[in-house]
Amino acid sequence: MRARFGWALLLLWVTAGLLLEAAHGFKWSPYLDDALRRELWTLAHAHGVGLALIAIVHANFGPGPAWTRRAILAAALLMPVGFVLGGIAHPESDPSAGIVLVPIGALVLLAALGRTAFSAFARGGDESEDRPPPPDAPDC
């Protein structure tokens, strides 16, 4: 389930990036004429794609308690959505109130990644060394 959610997020944020490129191509003025909106929505796309990839990898390989997976998924939603909301109906030079989701998501992400790193070090060694090769892997 968690990997599917990560894949869905990846699809969402890659599509958002394509829509941003289309906004450039079609010279959509509500996007192009607002530098802060352009920057925040670009940050939403970039963070969304990156965090979706982290969620996919962590769902498949991440050590640690189950709450870390849920926290990474929460961060993968909170941070990019905060950037999007920050760019909607904002005052002249400041993001709108939705930007508050970004630092909350960042703190949740730091806690989850810190716990995951601690779990990886506590196990000792690289887990991939203990894992058997995939069934279709060639013998070397």
Protein backbone atom coordinates (compact mmCIF):
# COMPACT_ATOMS: atom_id res chain seq x y z
CA MET A 1 0.00 0.00 0.00
CA ARG A 2 2.73 2.47 0.95
CA ALA A 3 4.64 1.97 -2.28
CA ARG A 4 1.42 2.50 -4.25
CA PHE A 5 0.85 5.77 -2.44
CA GLY A 6 4.39 6.84 -3.32
CA TRP A 7 3.83 5.94 -6.97
CA ALA A 8 0.56 7.90 -6.97
CA LEU A 9 2.36 10.92 -5.51
CA LEU A 10 5.08 10.60 -8.13
CA LEU A 11 2.48 10.58 -10.89
CA LEU A 12 0.74 13.60 -9.35
CA TRP A 13 3.89 15.74 -9.03
CA VAL A 14 5.35 14.79 -12.40
CA THR A 15 2.01 15.75 -13.95
CA ALA A 16 2.10 19.02 -12.01
CA GLY A 17 5.55 19.70 -13.46
CA LEU A 18 4.24 19.11 -16.97
CA LEU A 19 1.37 21.52 -16.26
CA LEU A 20 3.87 24.13 -15.08
CA GLU A 21 5.78 23.69 -18.34
CA ALA A 22 2.49 24.08 -20.24
CA ALA A 23 1.79 27.28 -18.28
CA HIS A 24 5.12 28.60 -19.57
CA GLY A 25 4.45 27.45 -23.10
CA PHE A 26 0.97 28.96 -23.28
CA LYS A 27 2.09 32.13 -21.47
CA TRP A 28 -0.52 31.76 -18.70
CA SER A 29 -0.27 35.17 -17.05
CA PRO A 30 -1.58 34.26 -13.54
CA TYR A 31 1.46 31.96 -13.34
CA LEU A 32 4.10 33.86 -15.29
CA ASP A 33 3.38 37.35 -13.92
CA ASP A 34 3.67 36.27 -10.28
CA ALA A 35 7.30 35.49 -9.42
CA LEU A 36 6.49 34.24 -5.90
CA ARG A 37 3.79 31.87 -7.18
CA ARG A 38 6.13 30.59 -9.87
CA GLU A 39 8.87 29.91 -7.33
CA LEU A 40 6.59 28.26 -4.78
CA TRP A 41 4.90 26.02 -7.34
CA THR A 42 8.27 25.02 -8.76
CA LEU A 43 9.36 24.14 -5.22
CA ALA A 44 6.15 22.13 -4.78
CA HIS A 45 6.90 20.14 -7.92
CA ALA A 46 10.54 19.51 -7.00
CA HIS A 47 9.84 18.54 -3.39
CA GLY A 48 6.84 16.45 -4.41
CA VAL A 49 8.86 14.39 -6.89
CA GLY A 50 11.80 13.97 -4.52
CA LEU A 51 9.69 13.00 -1.54
CA ALA A 52 7.59 10.59 -3.60
CA LEU A 53 10.81 8.81 -4.61
CA ILE A 54 11.92 8.70 -0.98
CA ALA A 55 8.52 7.27 0.01
CA ILE A 56 8.80 4.54 -2.65
CA VAL A 57 12.32 3.56 -1.61
CA HIS A 58 11.50 3.65 2.09
CA ALA A 59 8.36 1.56 1.62
CA ASN A 60 10.43 -1.16 -0.03
CA PHE A 61 13.73 -1.01 1.85
CA GLY A 62 13.47 1.28 4.88
CA PRO A 63 14.30 -0.18 8.28
CA GLY A 64 12.65 0.98 11.44
CA PRO A 65 9.20 1.15 12.97
CA ALA A 66 6.05 1.53 10.90
CA TRP A 67 5.50 5.10 12.09
CA THR A 68 8.51 6.20 10.04
CA ARG A 69 6.80 5.07 6.83
CA ARG A 70 3.64 6.96 7.75
CA ALA A 71 5.68 10.02 8.70
CA ILE A 72 7.51 10.02 5.36
CA LEU A 73 4.18 9.78 3.54
CA ALA A 74 2.80 12.63 5.64
CA ALA A 75 5.83 14.77 4.84
CA ALA A 76 5.50 13.87 1.15
CA LEU A 77 2.01 15.41 1.30
CA LEU A 78 2.53 18.31 3.71
CA MET A 79 5.59 19.92 2.15
CA PRO A 80 4.53 20.15 -1.51
CA VAL A 81 0.92 20.99 -0.65
CA GLY A 82 2.21 23.75 1.64
CA PHE A 83 4.19 25.23 -1.25
CA VAL A 84 1.14 25.06 -3.54
CA LEU A 85 -1.12 26.69 -0.96
CA GLY A 86 1.53 29.32 -0.23
CA GLY A 87 1.36 30.41 -3.86
CA ILE A 88 -2.43 30.74 -3.98
CA ALA A 89 -3.99 34.12 -3.14
CA HIS A 90 -0.91 35.41 -1.35
CA PRO A 91 -0.22 39.04 -0.37
CA GLU A 92 2.24 41.12 -2.38
CA SER A 93 5.54 39.64 -1.25
CA ASP A 94 4.72 36.92 1.27
CA PRO A 95 3.30 33.43 0.79
CA SER A 96 -0.21 32.75 2.04
CA ALA A 97 -0.89 30.97 5.34
CA GLY A 98 -0.75 27.51 3.73
CA ILE A 99 3.04 27.75 3.72
CA VAL A 100 2.96 26.77 7.42
CA LEU A 101 2.58 23.14 6.27
CA VAL A 102 6.13 23.19 4.84
CA PRO A 103 8.08 23.45 8.13
CA ILE A 104 5.67 21.01 9.80
CA GLY A 105 6.32 18.51 7.00
CA ALA A 106 10.05 19.19 7.22
CA LEU A 107 10.12 18.41 10.94
CA VAL A 108 8.11 15.22 10.42
CA LEU A 109 10.51 14.21 7.63
CA LEU A 110 13.59 14.90 9.76
CA ALA A 111 12.20 12.80 12.61
CA ALA A 112 11.41 9.89 10.28
CA LEU A 113 14.72 10.02 8.44
CA GLY A 114 16.63 10.34 11.71
CA ARG A 115 14.88 7.28 13.15
CA THR A 116 15.43 5.37 9.90
CA ALA A 117 19.14 6.22 9.92
CA PHE A 118 19.39 5.16 13.56
CA SER A 119 17.69 1.84 12.73
CA ALA A 120 20.03 1.25 9.80
CA PHE A 121 23.12 1.85 11.95
CA ALA A 122 21.73 -0.22 14.84
CA ARG A 123 21.32 -3.23 12.56
CA GLY A 124 24.97 -3.07 11.59
CA GLY A 125 26.06 -3.76 8.04
CA ASP A 126 24.27 -3.33 4.79
CA GLU A 127 20.97 -5.14 4.50
CA SER A 128 21.43 -5.62 0.77
CA GLU A 129 24.35 -7.97 1.53
CA ASP A 130 21.96 -10.28 3.39
CA ARG A 131 19.24 -10.18 0.77
CA PRO A 132 19.23 -12.97 -1.83
CA PRO A 133 19.47 -11.90 -5.49
CA PRO A 134 16.22 -11.51 -7.44
CA PRO A 135 15.06 -14.70 -9.20
CA ASP A 136 15.84 -13.35 -12.66
CA ALA A 137 19.32 -12.06 -11.75
CA PRO A 138 22.11 -13.51 -13.91
CA ASP A 139 24.71 -15.64 -12.16
CA CYS A 140 28.09 -13.93 -12.15
